[in-house]
């Protein structure tokens, strides 16, 4: 749950850092479709592993709030940083977000 939540936060950051409306819509639609699939897989995994109702609700709640939290972080970064700091910060956050997109979508063994 922690790894998926961090992944979702970084996806949200990418949405929050979107520079144009076109970028925003494209990222939003792709991330929402992706998040629905992740939520289904997480819920199924928690259900089949026989977690308690409390564990199930807490785990899904943490996952559900992570993407909006990332969007908020991205929006705050673009609003409150100066031009030079903003450019560097946006570059680093976009690199992290891109890395999570690539790592999550490249086939192979990610267990190591």
N, C-alpha and C. Protein backbone atom coordinates (compact mmCIF):
# COMPACT_ATOMS: atom_id res chain seq x y z
N UNK A 1 0.83 -1.19 0.00
CA UNK A 1 0.00 0.00 0.00
C UNK A 1 0.87 1.25 0.00
N UNK A 2 1.97 1.22 0.73
CA UNK A 2 2.85 2.38 0.80
C UNK A 2 3.46 2.67 -0.57
N UNK A 3 3.93 1.63 -1.26
CA UNK A 3 4.53 1.83 -2.58
C UNK A 3 3.51 2.39 -3.57
N UNK A 4 2.30 1.84 -3.56
CA UNK A 4 1.26 2.33 -4.46
C UNK A 4 0.86 3.77 -4.12
N UNK A 5 0.86 4.09 -2.83
CA UNK A 5 0.51 5.45 -2.43
C UNK A 5 1.57 6.46 -2.87
N UNK A 6 2.83 6.09 -2.73
CA UNK A 6 3.92 6.97 -3.19
C UNK A 6 3.81 7.14 -4.71
N UNK A 7 3.55 6.05 -5.40
CA UNK A 7 3.37 6.09 -6.85
C UNK A 7 2.22 7.04 -7.21
N UNK A 8 1.12 6.95 -6.48
CA UNK A 8 -0.05 7.80 -6.74
C UNK A 8 0.23 9.26 -6.42
N UNK A 9 0.99 9.51 -5.36
CA UNK A 9 1.36 10.89 -5.03
C UNK A 9 2.15 11.51 -6.18
N UNK A 10 3.12 10.76 -6.71
CA UNK A 10 3.93 11.29 -7.80
C UNK A 10 3.12 11.46 -9.08
N UNK A 11 2.15 10.58 -9.31
CA UNK A 11 1.26 10.78 -10.46
C UNK A 11 0.42 12.05 -10.27
N UNK A 12 -0.04 12.27 -9.05
CA UNK A 12 -0.78 13.49 -8.75
C UNK A 12 0.07 14.73 -8.92
N UNK A 13 1.32 14.64 -8.52
CA UNK A 13 2.24 15.78 -8.69
C UNK A 13 2.34 16.13 -10.18
N UNK A 14 2.42 15.12 -11.03
CA UNK A 14 2.49 15.38 -12.47
C UNK A 14 1.25 16.16 -12.94
N UNK A 15 0.09 15.81 -12.42
CA UNK A 15 -1.13 16.53 -12.78
C UNK A 15 -1.06 17.96 -12.26
N UNK A 16 -0.63 18.12 -11.01
CA UNK A 16 -0.54 19.45 -10.41
C UNK A 16 0.45 20.36 -11.10
N UNK A 17 1.45 19.78 -11.76
CA UNK A 17 2.47 20.57 -12.46
C UNK A 17 2.14 20.82 -13.92
N UNK A 18 1.00 20.33 -14.38
CA UNK A 18 0.63 20.48 -15.80
C UNK A 18 0.64 21.95 -16.18
N UNK A 19 1.29 22.26 -17.29
CA UNK A 19 1.45 23.65 -17.70
C UNK A 19 0.32 24.20 -18.55
N UNK A 20 -0.35 23.33 -19.29
CA UNK A 20 -1.43 23.78 -20.16
C UNK A 20 -2.69 22.97 -19.87
N UNK A 21 -3.81 23.47 -20.34
CA UNK A 21 -5.07 22.76 -20.16
C UNK A 21 -5.03 21.42 -20.89
N UNK A 22 -4.43 21.42 -22.06
CA UNK A 22 -4.32 20.18 -22.83
C UNK A 22 -3.51 19.14 -22.07
N UNK A 23 -2.37 19.55 -21.49
CA UNK A 23 -1.56 18.64 -20.68
C UNK A 23 -2.35 18.15 -19.46
N UNK A 24 -3.08 19.05 -18.84
CA UNK A 24 -3.87 18.71 -17.66
C UNK A 24 -4.91 17.65 -17.99
N UNK A 25 -5.65 17.85 -19.07
CA UNK A 25 -6.70 16.90 -19.44
C UNK A 25 -6.11 15.55 -19.81
N UNK A 26 -5.03 15.56 -20.58
CA UNK A 26 -4.38 14.31 -20.98
C UNK A 26 -3.88 13.54 -19.77
N UNK A 27 -3.15 14.22 -18.88
CA UNK A 27 -2.64 13.56 -17.68
C UNK A 27 -3.76 13.09 -16.78
N UNK A 28 -4.77 13.93 -16.59
CA UNK A 28 -5.87 13.58 -15.71
C UNK A 28 -6.58 12.32 -16.19
N UNK A 29 -6.89 12.26 -17.47
CA UNK A 29 -7.60 11.09 -17.99
C UNK A 29 -6.76 9.82 -17.89
N UNK A 30 -5.48 9.93 -18.25
CA UNK A 30 -4.63 8.74 -18.19
C UNK A 30 -4.40 8.28 -16.75
N UNK A 31 -4.20 9.22 -15.84
CA UNK A 31 -3.97 8.85 -14.44
C UNK A 31 -5.24 8.29 -13.81
N UNK A 32 -6.39 8.86 -14.10
CA UNK A 32 -7.64 8.36 -13.52
C UNK A 32 -7.91 6.93 -13.97
N UNK A 33 -7.72 6.66 -15.26
CA UNK A 33 -7.92 5.29 -15.75
C UNK A 33 -6.96 4.33 -15.05
N UNK A 34 -5.71 4.78 -14.92
CA UNK A 34 -4.68 3.98 -14.25
C UNK A 34 -5.02 3.76 -12.77
N UNK A 35 -5.48 4.80 -12.11
CA UNK A 35 -5.81 4.71 -10.68
C UNK A 35 -6.98 3.76 -10.43
N UNK A 36 -7.96 3.76 -11.31
CA UNK A 36 -9.08 2.84 -11.17
C UNK A 36 -8.58 1.39 -11.23
N UNK A 37 -7.70 1.11 -12.16
CA UNK A 37 -7.13 -0.23 -12.27
C UNK A 37 -6.33 -0.60 -11.03
N UNK A 38 -5.52 0.34 -10.55
CA UNK A 38 -4.74 0.09 -9.33
C UNK A 38 -5.64 -0.13 -8.12
N UNK A 39 -6.69 0.67 -7.99
CA UNK A 39 -7.61 0.53 -6.86
C UNK A 39 -8.30 -0.82 -6.89
N UNK A 40 -8.72 -1.25 -8.07
CA UNK A 40 -9.36 -2.57 -8.21
C UNK A 40 -8.39 -3.68 -7.81
N UNK A 41 -7.15 -3.61 -8.33
CA UNK A 41 -6.15 -4.62 -8.01
C UNK A 41 -5.82 -4.64 -6.51
N UNK A 42 -5.69 -3.46 -5.93
CA UNK A 42 -5.39 -3.36 -4.50
C UNK A 42 -6.55 -3.93 -3.67
N UNK A 43 -7.77 -3.55 -4.01
CA UNK A 43 -8.94 -4.06 -3.30
C UNK A 43 -9.06 -5.57 -3.40
N UNK A 44 -8.82 -6.10 -4.58
CA UNK A 44 -8.87 -7.54 -4.78
C UNK A 44 -7.80 -8.25 -3.97
N UNK A 45 -6.60 -7.69 -3.97
CA UNK A 45 -5.49 -8.27 -3.19
C UNK A 45 -5.80 -8.25 -1.69
N UNK A 46 -6.29 -7.13 -1.21
CA UNK A 46 -6.62 -7.04 0.22
C UNK A 46 -7.74 -8.01 0.58
N UNK A 47 -8.70 -8.16 -0.31
CA UNK A 47 -9.83 -9.07 -0.07
C UNK A 47 -9.38 -10.52 -0.06
N UNK A 48 -8.57 -10.92 -1.05
CA UNK A 48 -8.15 -12.32 -1.13
C UNK A 48 -7.13 -12.69 -0.05
N UNK A 49 -6.42 -11.71 0.49
CA UNK A 49 -5.48 -11.98 1.58
C UNK A 49 -6.17 -12.01 2.93
N UNK A 50 -7.50 -11.89 2.94
CA UNK A 50 -8.31 -12.00 4.16
C UNK A 50 -7.96 -10.95 5.22
N UNK A 51 -7.78 -9.71 4.79
CA UNK A 51 -7.55 -8.62 5.73
C UNK A 51 -8.86 -8.28 6.44
N UNK A 52 -8.74 -7.72 7.64
CA UNK A 52 -9.93 -7.31 8.36
C UNK A 52 -10.57 -6.12 7.65
N UNK A 53 -11.82 -5.85 7.99
CA UNK A 53 -12.52 -4.72 7.39
C UNK A 53 -11.79 -3.43 7.70
N UNK A 54 -11.29 -3.29 8.92
CA UNK A 54 -10.56 -2.08 9.31
C UNK A 54 -9.30 -1.90 8.47
N UNK A 55 -8.51 -2.97 8.30
CA UNK A 55 -7.29 -2.90 7.48
C UNK A 55 -7.64 -2.55 6.03
N UNK A 56 -8.71 -3.14 5.55
CA UNK A 56 -9.17 -2.90 4.19
C UNK A 56 -9.51 -1.43 4.00
N UNK A 57 -10.30 -0.87 4.91
CA UNK A 57 -10.74 0.53 4.80
C UNK A 57 -9.56 1.48 4.96
N UNK A 58 -8.70 1.23 5.92
CA UNK A 58 -7.54 2.11 6.14
C UNK A 58 -6.60 2.08 4.94
N UNK A 59 -6.32 0.89 4.43
CA UNK A 59 -5.41 0.77 3.28
C UNK A 59 -5.96 1.48 2.06
N UNK A 60 -7.23 1.27 1.75
CA UNK A 60 -7.82 1.92 0.59
C UNK A 60 -7.95 3.43 0.80
N UNK A 61 -8.20 3.86 2.04
CA UNK A 61 -8.30 5.30 2.32
C UNK A 61 -6.97 6.00 2.08
N UNK A 62 -5.89 5.38 2.54
CA UNK A 62 -4.56 5.95 2.32
C UNK A 62 -4.28 6.05 0.83
N UNK A 63 -4.61 4.99 0.10
CA UNK A 63 -4.39 4.99 -1.34
C UNK A 63 -5.23 6.05 -2.05
N UNK A 64 -6.49 6.17 -1.64
CA UNK A 64 -7.42 7.10 -2.31
C UNK A 64 -7.01 8.56 -2.13
N UNK A 65 -6.49 8.93 -0.95
CA UNK A 65 -6.13 10.34 -0.72
C UNK A 65 -4.76 10.70 -1.28
N UNK A 66 -3.98 9.70 -1.71
CA UNK A 66 -2.61 9.99 -2.14
C UNK A 66 -2.53 10.77 -3.46
N UNK A 67 -3.35 10.46 -4.44
CA UNK A 67 -3.30 11.18 -5.71
C UNK A 67 -3.75 12.64 -5.55
N UNK A 68 -4.88 12.90 -4.87
CA UNK A 68 -5.24 14.30 -4.64
C UNK A 68 -4.19 15.07 -3.83
N UNK A 69 -3.53 14.38 -2.90
CA UNK A 69 -2.45 15.03 -2.15
C UNK A 69 -1.31 15.42 -3.08
N UNK A 70 -0.98 14.55 -4.02
CA UNK A 70 0.06 14.86 -5.00
C UNK A 70 -0.32 16.03 -5.89
N UNK A 71 -1.60 16.08 -6.30
CA UNK A 71 -2.07 17.21 -7.10
C UNK A 71 -1.90 18.51 -6.32
N UNK A 72 -2.26 18.49 -5.05
CA UNK A 72 -2.12 19.67 -4.20
C UNK A 72 -0.65 20.08 -4.08
N UNK A 73 0.24 19.11 -3.90
CA UNK A 73 1.66 19.41 -3.81
C UNK A 73 2.14 20.08 -5.10
N UNK A 74 1.77 19.52 -6.24
CA UNK A 74 2.17 20.11 -7.53
C UNK A 74 1.65 21.52 -7.71
N UNK A 75 0.40 21.75 -7.32
CA UNK A 75 -0.17 23.09 -7.44
C UNK A 75 0.52 24.08 -6.50
N UNK A 76 0.82 23.65 -5.27
CA UNK A 76 1.50 24.53 -4.31
C UNK A 76 2.91 24.87 -4.78
N UNK A 77 3.59 23.89 -5.36
CA UNK A 77 4.95 24.13 -5.86
C UNK A 77 4.92 25.21 -6.94
N UNK A 78 3.99 25.09 -7.89
CA UNK A 78 3.94 26.07 -8.97
C UNK A 78 3.51 27.45 -8.49
N UNK A 79 2.77 27.50 -7.40
CA UNK A 79 2.28 28.79 -6.92
C UNK A 79 3.26 29.51 -6.01
N UNK A 80 4.02 28.79 -5.19
CA UNK A 80 4.78 29.44 -4.13
C UNK A 80 6.29 29.47 -4.32
N UNK A 81 6.82 28.86 -5.37
CA UNK A 81 8.26 28.89 -5.57
C UNK A 81 8.63 30.01 -6.53
N UNK A 82 9.85 30.57 -6.35
CA UNK A 82 10.34 31.60 -7.27
C UNK A 82 10.70 30.96 -8.61
N UNK A 83 10.95 31.80 -9.61
CA UNK A 83 11.17 31.30 -10.97
C UNK A 83 12.32 30.29 -11.06
N UNK A 84 13.48 30.63 -10.51
CA UNK A 84 14.64 29.74 -10.61
C UNK A 84 14.41 28.46 -9.82
N UNK A 85 13.94 28.61 -8.60
CA UNK A 85 13.67 27.45 -7.75
C UNK A 85 12.54 26.62 -8.35
N UNK A 86 11.55 27.28 -8.90
CA UNK A 86 10.42 26.58 -9.50
C UNK A 86 10.89 25.71 -10.66
N UNK A 87 11.73 26.24 -11.51
CA UNK A 87 12.21 25.48 -12.67
C UNK A 87 12.94 24.22 -12.22
N UNK A 88 13.81 24.36 -11.24
CA UNK A 88 14.56 23.19 -10.75
C UNK A 88 13.63 22.20 -10.05
N UNK A 89 12.72 22.70 -9.24
CA UNK A 89 11.80 21.84 -8.51
C UNK A 89 10.87 21.10 -9.46
N UNK A 90 10.33 21.80 -10.42
CA UNK A 90 9.43 21.18 -11.40
C UNK A 90 10.18 20.10 -12.18
N UNK A 91 11.42 20.39 -12.55
CA UNK A 91 12.23 19.42 -13.28
C UNK A 91 12.40 18.14 -12.46
N UNK A 92 12.75 18.28 -11.20
CA UNK A 92 12.96 17.11 -10.33
C UNK A 92 11.65 16.34 -10.13
N UNK A 93 10.56 17.05 -9.84
CA UNK A 93 9.29 16.38 -9.61
C UNK A 93 8.76 15.69 -10.88
N UNK A 94 8.94 16.33 -12.03
CA UNK A 94 8.51 15.69 -13.28
C UNK A 94 9.37 14.46 -13.58
N UNK A 95 10.65 14.53 -13.26
CA UNK A 95 11.53 13.38 -13.46
C UNK A 95 11.08 12.21 -12.58
N UNK A 96 10.76 12.50 -11.32
CA UNK A 96 10.27 11.45 -10.43
C UNK A 96 8.95 10.87 -10.92
N UNK A 97 8.04 11.73 -11.33
CA UNK A 97 6.75 11.27 -11.83
C UNK A 97 6.92 10.43 -13.09
N UNK A 98 7.78 10.86 -14.00
CA UNK A 98 8.04 10.10 -15.22
C UNK A 98 8.65 8.75 -14.89
N UNK A 99 9.54 8.74 -13.93
CA UNK A 99 10.15 7.47 -13.50
C UNK A 99 9.13 6.49 -12.96
N UNK A 100 8.15 6.98 -12.22
CA UNK A 100 7.13 6.06 -11.70
C UNK A 100 6.23 5.56 -12.82
N UNK A 101 5.93 6.41 -13.80
CA UNK A 101 5.15 5.95 -14.95
C UNK A 101 5.91 4.86 -15.69
N UNK A 102 7.19 5.10 -15.95
CA UNK A 102 8.00 4.13 -16.71
C UNK A 102 8.20 2.84 -15.92
N UNK A 103 8.59 2.94 -14.66
CA UNK A 103 8.84 1.75 -13.86
C UNK A 103 7.59 0.91 -13.68
N UNK A 104 6.44 1.55 -13.59
CA UNK A 104 5.21 0.81 -13.41
C UNK A 104 4.67 0.20 -14.68
N UNK A 105 5.15 0.64 -15.83
CA UNK A 105 4.60 0.17 -17.09
C UNK A 105 5.56 -0.64 -17.95
N UNK A 106 6.79 -0.81 -17.50
CA UNK A 106 7.75 -1.61 -18.24
C UNK A 106 7.64 -3.04 -17.74
N UNK A 107 7.41 -4.01 -18.64
CA UNK A 107 7.27 -5.39 -18.21
C UNK A 107 8.58 -5.91 -17.60
N UNK A 108 8.43 -6.80 -16.67
CA UNK A 108 9.62 -7.40 -16.07
C UNK A 108 9.41 -7.61 -14.58
N UNK A 109 10.44 -8.14 -13.94
CA UNK A 109 10.39 -8.44 -12.51
C UNK A 109 10.82 -7.22 -11.73
N UNK A 110 9.90 -6.61 -10.97
CA UNK A 110 10.20 -5.42 -10.17
C UNK A 110 10.34 -5.75 -8.70
N UNK A 111 10.56 -7.02 -8.39
CA UNK A 111 10.60 -7.42 -6.99
C UNK A 111 11.92 -7.07 -6.30
N UNK A 112 12.95 -6.75 -7.06
CA UNK A 112 14.24 -6.44 -6.43
C UNK A 112 14.41 -4.98 -6.18
